[in-house]
Protein backbone atom coordinates (compact mmCIF):
# COMPACT_ATOMS: atom_id res chain seq x y z
CA MET A 1 -14.08 -31.66 -15.91
CA SER A 2 -13.76 -27.72 -16.55
CA ARG A 3 -15.61 -25.13 -13.73
CA ARG A 4 -18.38 -24.07 -16.55
CA SER A 5 -19.51 -27.94 -16.70
CA GLY A 6 -19.04 -28.61 -12.84
CA ILE A 7 -21.50 -25.65 -12.11
CA LEU A 8 -24.31 -26.84 -14.76
CA GLU A 9 -23.73 -30.24 -13.42
CA PHE A 10 -24.56 -28.74 -10.25
CA ALA A 11 -27.54 -26.60 -11.20
CA VAL A 12 -28.80 -29.80 -13.66
CA LEU A 13 -28.96 -32.06 -10.57
CA GLY A 14 -30.50 -29.84 -7.72
CA LEU A 15 -33.14 -28.72 -10.30
CA LEU A 16 -33.79 -32.12 -10.71
CA HIS A 17 -33.81 -33.32 -7.26
CA ASP A 18 -37.27 -32.19 -6.53
CA ALA A 19 -38.49 -33.48 -9.41
CA PRO A 20 -38.62 -35.00 -13.26
CA MET A 21 -38.65 -32.46 -16.09
CA HIS A 22 -38.63 -32.30 -19.72
CA GLY A 23 -35.50 -30.78 -21.50
CA TYR A 24 -37.22 -27.88 -22.29
CA GLU A 25 -38.59 -26.97 -18.88
CA LEU A 26 -34.93 -27.72 -17.34
CA ARG A 27 -33.80 -25.01 -19.55
CA LYS A 28 -36.24 -22.53 -18.90
CA ARG A 29 -35.19 -22.93 -15.21
CA LEU A 30 -31.30 -22.82 -15.35
CA ASN A 31 -32.12 -20.19 -17.65
CA VAL A 32 -34.32 -18.08 -14.17
CA LEU A 33 -31.57 -19.98 -11.53
CA LEU A 34 -28.16 -18.83 -13.81
CA GLY A 35 -29.24 -16.14 -16.42
CA SER A 36 -27.13 -13.81 -14.51
CA LEU A 37 -24.08 -15.73 -15.16
CA ARG A 38 -25.03 -17.06 -18.95
CA ALA A 39 -27.64 -18.04 -21.41
CA PHE A 40 -27.60 -21.71 -21.66
CA SER A 41 -28.47 -23.23 -24.51
CA TYR A 42 -29.70 -27.36 -26.02
CA GLY A 43 -26.12 -27.21 -27.88
CA THR A 44 -24.69 -26.49 -24.02
CA LEU A 45 -27.40 -28.23 -22.45
CA TYR A 46 -27.93 -31.57 -23.94
CA PRO A 47 -23.91 -32.81 -24.05
CA CYS A 48 -24.25 -32.22 -19.85
CA LEU A 49 -27.49 -34.32 -19.69
CA LYS A 50 -25.99 -37.34 -21.88
CA GLY A 51 -22.99 -37.23 -20.23
CA LEU A 52 -24.96 -37.24 -16.56
CA VAL A 53 -26.84 -40.27 -17.82
CA ALA A 54 -23.61 -42.08 -19.04
CA GLN A 55 -22.48 -41.89 -15.80
CA GLY A 56 -25.62 -43.01 -14.53
CA TYR A 57 -26.85 -40.38 -12.25
CA LEU A 58 -29.56 -39.72 -14.62
CA VAL A 59 -31.99 -41.72 -16.48
CA GLU A 60 -34.19 -41.01 -19.50
CA ASP A 61 -38.27 -41.51 -19.26
CA ASN A 62 -40.33 -41.56 -22.44
CA PRO A 63 -43.92 -40.55 -21.24
CA ASP A 64 -47.04 -42.15 -22.90
CA THR A 65 -48.69 -38.24 -23.01
CA GLU A 66 -46.18 -36.23 -25.80
CA TYR A 67 -45.02 -32.83 -24.18
CA ILE A 68 -45.01 -29.92 -26.67
CA PRO A 69 -44.30 -26.65 -25.15
CA ALA A 70 -45.75 -23.51 -26.00
CA THR A 71 -43.23 -22.77 -29.09
CA ALA A 72 -42.21 -23.74 -32.56
CA LEU A 73 -40.46 -26.70 -30.51
CA ASN A 74 -41.14 -30.31 -31.18
CA GLY A 75 -39.78 -33.57 -31.52
CA LYS A 76 -37.81 -35.95 -29.40
CA ARG A 77 -36.30 -33.80 -27.17
CA SER A 78 -40.06 -32.25 -26.50
CA LYS A 79 -41.14 -36.35 -25.22
CA ILE A 80 -37.77 -36.84 -22.86
CA VAL A 81 -38.55 -36.35 -19.07
CA TYR A 82 -35.16 -36.98 -17.05
CA ARG A 83 -34.83 -38.24 -13.67
CA LEU A 84 -32.32 -38.71 -11.29
CA THR A 85 -31.27 -42.05 -10.11
CA PRO A 86 -30.40 -42.80 -6.46
CA GLU A 87 -26.69 -42.49 -8.09
CA GLY A 88 -27.57 -38.95 -9.10
CA LYS A 89 -29.04 -37.92 -5.71
CA GLN A 90 -25.79 -38.80 -3.80
CA ARG A 91 -23.54 -36.82 -6.10
CA PHE A 92 -26.10 -34.05 -5.75
CA GLU A 93 -25.70 -34.45 -1.55
CA GLU A 94 -21.67 -34.70 -2.49
CA LEU A 95 -21.88 -31.23 -4.33
CA LEU A 96 -24.22 -29.62 -2.06
CA ALA A 97 -21.76 -30.61 1.11
CA ASP A 98 -19.05 -28.38 -0.29
CA SER A 99 -17.65 -25.49 1.17
CA GLY A 100 -14.22 -25.60 -0.15
CA PRO A 101 -12.75 -22.52 -1.31
CA ASP A 102 -14.24 -23.12 -4.98
CA ALA A 103 -18.03 -22.57 -3.57
CA TRP A 104 -16.81 -18.82 -2.98
CA GLU A 105 -16.05 -18.10 -6.15
CA ASP A 106 -18.23 -15.80 -8.19
CA GLU A 107 -20.04 -18.38 -10.35
CA HIS A 108 -19.97 -21.02 -7.50
CA PHE A 109 -20.95 -19.21 -5.05
CA GLY A 110 -24.48 -17.97 -6.80
CA VAL A 111 -25.12 -21.94 -7.00
CA HIS A 112 -24.37 -22.99 -4.46
CA PHE A 113 -26.80 -19.83 -2.54
CA ALA A 114 -29.84 -21.18 -4.92
CA PHE A 115 -29.33 -24.74 -3.06
CA PHE A 116 -29.11 -23.28 0.36
CA GLY A 117 -32.54 -24.32 1.36
CA GLN A 118 -31.18 -27.69 1.33
CA THR A 119 -27.97 -27.12 2.44
CA ASP A 120 -26.85 -28.11 5.95
CA ARG A 121 -26.87 -25.16 8.77
CA ALA A 122 -22.83 -25.77 9.37
CA VAL A 123 -22.09 -25.69 5.52
CA ARG A 124 -23.86 -22.35 4.78
CA MET A 125 -21.83 -20.71 7.36
CA ARG A 126 -18.31 -21.65 6.37
CA VAL A 127 -19.85 -20.89 2.38
CA LEU A 128 -21.17 -17.44 3.59
CA GLU A 129 -17.88 -16.61 5.39
CA GLY A 130 -15.90 -18.22 2.79
CA ARG A 131 -17.04 -15.44 0.48
CA ARG A 132 -17.08 -12.89 2.71
CA SER A 133 -13.24 -13.64 3.23
CA ARG A 134 -12.71 -13.65 -0.07
CA LEU A 135 -14.61 -10.34 -1.06
CA GLU A 136 -12.86 -8.40 1.91
CA GLU A 137 -9.52 -9.61 0.40
CA ARG A 138 -10.90 -8.13 -3.19
CA MET A 139 -12.09 -4.90 -1.43
CA GLU A 140 -9.11 -3.82 -0.04
CA ARG A 141 -6.83 -4.54 -3.10
CA MET A 142 -9.11 -2.02 -4.87
CA ARG A 143 -8.81 0.49 -2.29
CA THR A 144 -5.16 0.15 -2.51
CA SER A 145 -5.01 0.05 -6.01
CA LEU A 146 -7.59 3.27 -5.96
CA ALA A 147 -5.84 5.20 -3.90
CA ARG A 148 -2.52 4.77 -5.37
CA THR A 149 -4.02 5.70 -9.26
CA ARG A 150 -6.53 8.05 -8.66
CA GLU A 151 -4.23 11.07 -9.55
CA ARG A 152 -3.24 9.05 -13.59
CA LEU A 153 -6.88 7.98 -13.74
CA ASP A 154 -9.44 10.17 -15.69
CA GLY A 155 -12.99 11.26 -14.61
CA TYR A 156 -14.76 8.16 -16.44
CA THR A 157 -12.31 5.42 -15.24
CA LEU A 158 -11.98 6.49 -11.67
CA GLU A 159 -15.98 6.48 -11.56
CA LEU A 160 -16.03 2.86 -12.94
CA GLN A 161 -13.38 1.93 -10.21
CA ARG A 162 -15.37 3.82 -7.42
CA HIS A 163 -18.39 1.61 -8.91
CA GLY A 164 -16.89 -2.04 -9.18
CA LEU A 165 -15.53 -1.03 -5.42
CA GLU A 166 -19.32 -0.27 -3.93
CA SER A 167 -20.57 -3.30 -5.40
CA VAL A 168 -17.95 -5.54 -3.52
CA GLU A 169 -18.72 -3.45 -0.29
CA ARG A 170 -22.50 -3.72 -0.57
CA GLU A 171 -22.05 -7.17 -1.38
CA VAL A 172 -19.59 -8.11 1.64
CA ARG A 173 -22.52 -6.01 4.16
CA TRP A 174 -25.06 -8.42 2.59
CA LEU A 175 -23.26 -11.34 3.45
CA ASN A 176 -22.57 -9.38 6.96
CA GLU A 177 -26.39 -9.50 7.50
CA LEU A 178 -27.04 -13.32 6.23
CA ILE A 179 -24.15 -14.37 8.82
CA GLU A 180 -25.73 -12.62 11.63
CA THR A 181 -29.35 -14.34 10.80
CA GLU A 182 -27.63 -17.82 10.32
CA ARG A 183 -26.03 -17.05 13.90
CA ALA A 184 -29.51 -15.80 15.17
CA ASN A 185 -30.89 -18.57 14.33
CA ARG A 186 -28.88 -20.89 15.58
CA THR A 187 -28.89 -19.50 18.77
CA GLY A 188 -32.69 -18.48 19.36
CA ARG A 189 -34.06 -21.75 18.84
CA GLN A 190 -35.82 -24.27 21.12
CA ASP A 191 -34.83 -27.97 21.06
CA GLY A 192 -37.75 -30.42 20.09
CA ALA A 193 -39.50 -27.91 18.33
CA THR A 194 -40.67 -27.48 14.69
CA ARG A 195 -38.30 -24.67 13.52
CA HIS A 196 -39.42 -22.24 11.20
CA ASP A 197 -36.16 -20.36 9.56
CA VAL A 198 -36.64 -16.44 9.03
CA GLY A 199 -34.80 -16.90 5.50
CA PRO A 200 -32.27 -14.75 4.07
CA PRO A 201 -32.63 -10.76 5.34
CA GLY A 202 -35.65 -9.10 4.40
CA ALA A 203 -37.54 -12.15 3.25
CA PRO A 204 -40.84 -13.07 4.57
CA PRO A 205 -41.37 -14.97 7.74
CA GLY A 206 -41.68 -18.71 6.86
CA LEU A 207 -40.34 -18.69 3.79
CA THR A 208 -38.59 -21.66 4.90
CA SER A 209 -39.21 -24.42 7.45
CA GLN A 210 -36.51 -26.74 9.03
CA THR A 211 -36.24 -30.38 11.09
CA SER A 212 -33.71 -31.50 12.83
CA ASP A 213 -31.57 -32.66 10.41
CA GLY A 214 -30.25 -29.07 9.83
CA ARG A 215 -31.85 -28.43 6.45
CA ASP A 216 -34.24 -25.84 5.34
CA ARG A 217 -37.26 -26.96 3.14
CA PRO A 218 -37.92 -23.96 0.89
CA ALA A 219 -41.37 -23.21 -0.78
CA ASP A 220 -38.68 -21.95 -4.04
CA ILE A 221 -35.11 -21.45 -4.92
CA THR A 222 -34.10 -18.43 -2.86
CA ALA A 223 -33.46 -15.43 -5.34
CA PRO A 224 -29.86 -13.87 -5.71
CA PRO A 225 -29.35 -10.63 -3.90
CA PRO A 226 -30.81 -7.12 -4.59
CA ASP A 227 -28.23 -4.12 -5.80
CA ARG A 228 -28.41 -2.28 -2.88
CA PRO A 229 -28.30 1.68 -3.75
CA GLY A 230 -25.77 3.45 -1.32
CA ARG A 231 -22.35 5.19 -1.77
CA SER A 232 -19.16 3.94 -0.20
CA THR A 233 -18.23 4.51 3.18
CA THR A 234 -15.21 5.77 2.02
CA GLU A 235 -16.78 8.57 0.83
CA ARG A 236 -18.98 9.48 3.36
């Protein structure tokens, strides 16, 4: 399975985990979830859905009431509802528990983070710390390259490299905040009580709730990190 199809499979199973959806609605949700990475077309989505049906992870339902979205779209596709099977739920749980190096990469990390509310705390920590380690390595390479080539670059190329470095530095700071929040939540609770996570930095209290299985139940998918303004620490 290619990396692209693996990301799409994970996202589809995750979105259908909560409730069945029409293909049209599923595509809209995917574009919200992964729109910063790519826009999905029906030509990409439906082969994935058919493959998941063939593997026994999804089933197709035809509801009595025809579903017609508020566009010119119509036909059989608008009638099909996709629903997770028990095997599909198990497959999603397996993907959710993956905290290896693939989960730290740019595209995979975004999908894993979107489903952090359903992820075990220990897995969240491994993914966050792995992502931070990967970005710290990238940051050091960028700093070394910038210092080595600064004198040979024109002003625009230099600014572009600085911009890239600052973007990585911002994400590292954001990850540091998330990791500290996770650690504080883990050590600051009382056993035997209903537990409520404060969520990511900047999220309102009560965004997620957590029970003794170590998993959060979010009201909605967590949004990706904002692009925080600020200058690089190397330029201060």
